[in-house]
Protein backbone atom coordinates (compact mmCIF):
# COMPACT_ATOMS: atom_id res chain seq x y z
CA UNK A 1 62.13 143.26 96.54
CA UNK A 2 62.49 144.71 93.06
CA UNK A 3 59.14 145.93 91.59
CA UNK A 4 57.21 145.87 94.92
CA UNK A 5 55.76 149.11 96.34
CA UNK A 6 55.29 149.08 100.10
CA UNK A 7 52.76 151.69 101.25
CA UNK A 8 52.80 153.12 104.77
CA UNK A 9 49.50 153.42 106.66
CA UNK A 10 46.11 152.33 105.37
CA UNK A 11 46.05 152.09 101.56
CA UNK A 12 43.24 154.20 100.01
CA UNK A 13 41.70 154.66 96.60
CA UNK A 14 41.32 157.94 94.73
CA UNK A 15 38.28 158.84 96.86
CA UNK A 16 40.10 158.29 100.14
CA UNK A 17 38.43 154.97 100.95
CA UNK A 18 40.49 152.11 102.44
CA UNK A 19 41.24 149.43 99.84
CA UNK A 20 41.45 145.90 101.37
CA UNK A 21 43.26 144.57 98.31
CA UNK A 22 46.10 147.06 98.66
CA UNK A 23 46.29 146.38 102.38
CA UNK A 24 46.78 142.64 101.72
CA UNK A 25 49.49 143.40 99.14
CA UNK A 26 51.24 145.61 101.65
CA UNK A 27 51.19 142.86 104.28
CA UNK A 28 52.62 140.33 101.78
CA UNK A 29 55.39 142.73 100.85
CA UNK A 30 56.36 143.24 104.49
CA UNK A 31 56.34 139.47 105.06
CA UNK A 32 58.56 138.84 102.01
CA UNK A 33 61.02 141.47 103.18
CA UNK A 34 61.18 139.83 106.61
CA UNK A 35 61.81 136.40 105.03
CA UNK A 36 64.62 137.84 102.91
CA UNK A 37 66.20 139.45 105.95
CA UNK A 38 66.08 136.16 107.90
CA UNK A 39 67.65 134.28 105.00
CA UNK A 40 70.48 136.79 104.77
CA UNK A 41 71.11 136.54 108.51
CA UNK A 42 71.22 132.73 108.25
CA UNK A 43 73.74 132.87 105.39
CA UNK A 44 75.94 135.28 107.32
CA UNK A 45 75.80 132.99 110.37
CA UNK A 46 76.89 129.98 108.28
CA UNK A 47 79.77 131.92 106.73
CA UNK A 48 80.97 133.18 110.10
CA UNK A 49 80.87 129.65 111.53
CA UNK A 50 82.75 128.29 108.51
CA UNK A 51 85.49 130.92 108.71
CA UNK A 52 85.79 130.36 112.45
CA UNK A 53 86.21 126.60 111.97
CA UNK A 54 88.83 127.11 109.27
CA UNK A 55 90.77 129.47 111.51
CA UNK A 56 91.09 126.67 114.09
CA UNK A 57 92.69 124.15 111.66
CA UNK A 58 96.36 123.49 112.40
CA UNK A 59 98.38 121.29 110.05
CA UNK A 60 101.72 119.65 110.77
CA UNK A 61 103.95 117.39 108.74
CA UNK A 62 106.77 114.87 109.16
CA UNK A 63 108.87 112.37 107.22
CA UNK A 64 107.61 108.98 108.34
CA UNK A 65 110.22 107.08 106.34
CA UNK A 66 113.05 108.85 108.18
CA UNK A 67 111.44 108.24 111.57
CA UNK A 68 110.63 104.61 110.81
CA UNK A 69 114.16 103.86 109.55
CA UNK A 70 115.58 105.23 112.82
CA UNK A 71 113.44 103.02 115.06
CA UNK A 72 115.33 100.01 116.50
CA UNK A 73 112.18 97.89 116.06
CA UNK A 74 112.31 98.49 112.30
CA UNK A 75 115.95 97.41 112.13
CA UNK A 76 115.13 94.24 114.10
CA UNK A 77 112.26 93.57 111.72
CA UNK A 78 114.57 93.75 108.70
CA UNK A 79 116.98 91.25 110.25
CA UNK A 80 114.14 88.84 111.00
CA UNK A 81 112.85 89.16 107.46
CA UNK A 82 116.29 88.39 106.05
CA UNK A 83 116.54 85.20 108.12
CA UNK A 84 112.99 84.24 107.12
CA UNK A 85 113.80 84.69 103.45
CA UNK A 86 116.97 82.62 103.72
CA UNK A 87 115.01 79.80 105.35
CA UNK A 88 112.43 79.89 102.57
CA UNK A 89 115.14 79.48 99.93
CA UNK A 90 116.84 76.64 101.80
CA UNK A 91 113.58 74.74 102.22
CA UNK A 92 112.75 74.78 98.52
CA UNK A 93 114.22 71.40 97.55
CA UNK A 94 112.15 71.37 94.36
CA UNK A 95 114.06 74.41 93.14
CA UNK A 96 117.36 72.62 93.58
CA UNK A 97 115.97 69.49 91.94
CA UNK A 98 114.81 71.48 88.95
CA UNK A 99 118.24 73.07 88.53
CA UNK A 100 119.86 69.66 88.79
CA UNK A 101 117.50 68.10 86.21
CA UNK A 102 117.99 71.02 83.85
CA UNK A 103 121.76 70.70 84.04
CA UNK A 104 121.50 66.96 83.37
CA UNK A 105 119.31 67.66 80.35
CA UNK A 106 121.83 70.13 78.94
CA UNK A 107 124.68 67.70 79.49
CA UNK A 108 122.85 64.87 77.75
CA UNK A 109 121.82 67.08 74.86
CA UNK A 110 125.40 68.30 74.42
CA UNK A 111 126.80 64.78 74.42
CA UNK A 112 124.01 63.47 72.18
CA UNK A 113 123.14 60.96 74.89
CA UNK A 114 119.41 60.82 74.15
CA UNK A 115 118.70 57.45 72.54
CA UNK A 116 115.46 58.45 70.85
CA UNK A 117 113.45 61.60 70.16
CA UNK A 118 110.77 60.22 72.51
CA UNK A 119 113.33 60.08 75.35
CA UNK A 120 114.29 63.73 74.73
CA UNK A 121 110.63 64.74 74.62
CA UNK A 122 109.97 62.99 77.94
CA UNK A 123 112.94 64.80 79.51
CA UNK A 124 111.64 68.15 78.24
CA UNK A 125 108.15 67.47 79.63
CA UNK A 126 109.67 66.64 83.02
CA UNK A 127 111.63 69.89 82.97
CA UNK A 128 108.45 71.81 82.11
CA UNK A 129 106.60 70.20 85.02
CA UNK A 130 109.42 71.02 87.43
CA UNK A 131 109.55 74.58 86.15
CA UNK A 132 105.84 75.06 86.83
CA UNK A 133 106.32 73.76 90.37
CA UNK A 134 109.24 76.11 90.92
CA UNK A 135 107.18 79.10 89.73
CA UNK A 136 104.38 78.16 92.11
CA UNK A 137 106.86 77.84 94.96
CA UNK A 138 108.26 81.28 94.12
CA UNK A 139 104.77 82.78 94.24
CA UNK A 140 104.05 81.06 97.57
CA UNK A 141 107.35 82.29 98.97
CA UNK A 142 106.57 85.85 97.90
CA UNK A 143 103.17 85.66 99.61
CA UNK A 144 104.77 84.26 102.77
CA UNK A 145 107.30 87.10 102.78
CA UNK A 146 104.57 89.71 102.42
CA UNK A 147 102.54 88.14 105.24
CA UNK A 148 105.61 87.96 107.49
CA UNK A 149 106.53 91.58 106.76
CA UNK A 150 102.99 92.72 107.54
CA UNK A 151 102.94 90.78 110.81
CA UNK A 152 106.27 92.29 111.91
CA UNK A 153 105.41 95.79 110.70
CA UNK A 154 102.03 96.15 112.43
CA UNK A 155 103.34 96.63 116.01
CA UNK A 156 106.05 99.02 114.77
CA UNK A 157 103.49 101.16 112.93
CA UNK A 158 101.17 101.04 115.94
CA UNK A 159 103.94 102.43 118.16
CA UNK A 160 104.70 105.14 115.60
CA UNK A 161 101.01 106.08 115.32
CA UNK A 162 100.73 106.35 119.11
CA UNK A 163 103.66 108.78 119.13
CA UNK A 164 102.12 110.81 116.28
CA UNK A 165 98.81 111.04 118.15
CA UNK A 166 100.53 112.21 121.31
CA UNK A 167 102.56 114.91 119.52
CA UNK A 168 99.50 116.06 117.57
CA UNK A 169 97.35 116.40 120.69
CA UNK A 170 100.09 118.17 122.63
CA UNK A 171 100.67 120.61 119.78
CA UNK A 172 97.00 121.19 119.01
CA UNK A 173 97.31 119.88 115.45
CA UNK A 174 94.21 119.01 113.43
CA UNK A 175 96.09 117.09 110.74
CA UNK A 176 99.55 115.53 110.43
CA UNK A 177 100.74 114.90 106.85
CA UNK A 178 103.54 112.69 105.57
CA UNK A 179 106.18 114.76 103.80
CA UNK A 180 107.07 112.12 101.19
CA UNK A 181 105.61 109.00 99.61
CA UNK A 182 107.11 105.53 100.09
CA UNK A 183 108.94 106.12 96.78
CA UNK A 184 110.62 109.22 98.21
CA UNK A 185 108.56 111.69 96.17
CA UNK A 186 107.88 114.92 98.06
CA UNK A 187 104.19 115.63 98.69
CA UNK A 188 104.72 118.93 100.53
CA UNK A 189 106.33 121.57 98.35
CA UNK A 190 106.29 124.27 100.99
CA UNK A 191 105.67 124.42 104.71
CA UNK A 192 106.89 126.44 107.70
CA UNK A 193 109.64 124.83 109.77
CA UNK A 194 107.59 125.20 112.95
CA UNK A 195 104.97 122.85 111.47
CA UNK A 196 107.55 120.05 111.10
CA UNK A 197 106.98 117.63 114.01
CA UNK A 198 109.76 115.19 113.05
CA UNK A 199 112.06 116.30 115.87
CA UNK A 200 109.21 116.07 118.36
CA UNK A 201 108.45 112.54 117.13
CA UNK A 202 112.07 111.48 117.66
CA UNK A 203 111.87 112.79 121.20
CA UNK A 204 108.56 111.05 121.89
CA UNK A 205 110.01 107.74 120.67
CA UNK A 206 113.18 108.21 122.72
CA UNK A 207 115.37 108.49 119.62
CA UNK A 208 118.31 110.78 118.99
CA UNK A 209 117.44 113.33 116.34
CA UNK A 210 119.98 113.33 113.47
CA UNK A 211 121.29 116.89 113.45
CA UNK A 212 122.24 118.09 109.98
């Protein structure tokens, strides 16, 4: 410690007598030095453990969008969603009725067939009501499509995750990152080819890897 004098042996005064006060100070100084040494050893131990843990981290990456698009289950899901969407459109009779009423309104207005302004106002109110119903139906249909997509996608993603887990464990990987976002934006700007597990994923899923 800076500013502390540690005396060896029994501290004495100018006459050669033992001074208890100096002896106590010497003991405190030795104790403080021991505490400092223990703290330094603890810090070194933490740093060594931290560096050791970091040395064991192994990171891999893949392009989930490419893998998912190649899975036959994903292609089946898209076909089912297309049929589901077509059925939703066909079952929306209110949409067809609204289009029909709107066309009738335009025809009458063009021919000047409205007898009174009140009759035209009533027709416009009816069109507004039908339009609100159609908008609500469109929102409901969008929600139904999202729910259907989620229901069909869950087992596909579960199968993909199982394959990722298996490849990661077999390769001793700590983390597996997705190479791109759903919008196709790259999230990994650089990485060694040997850390790319995409080919291994294709093999685990029983898919043919698209050779470039």
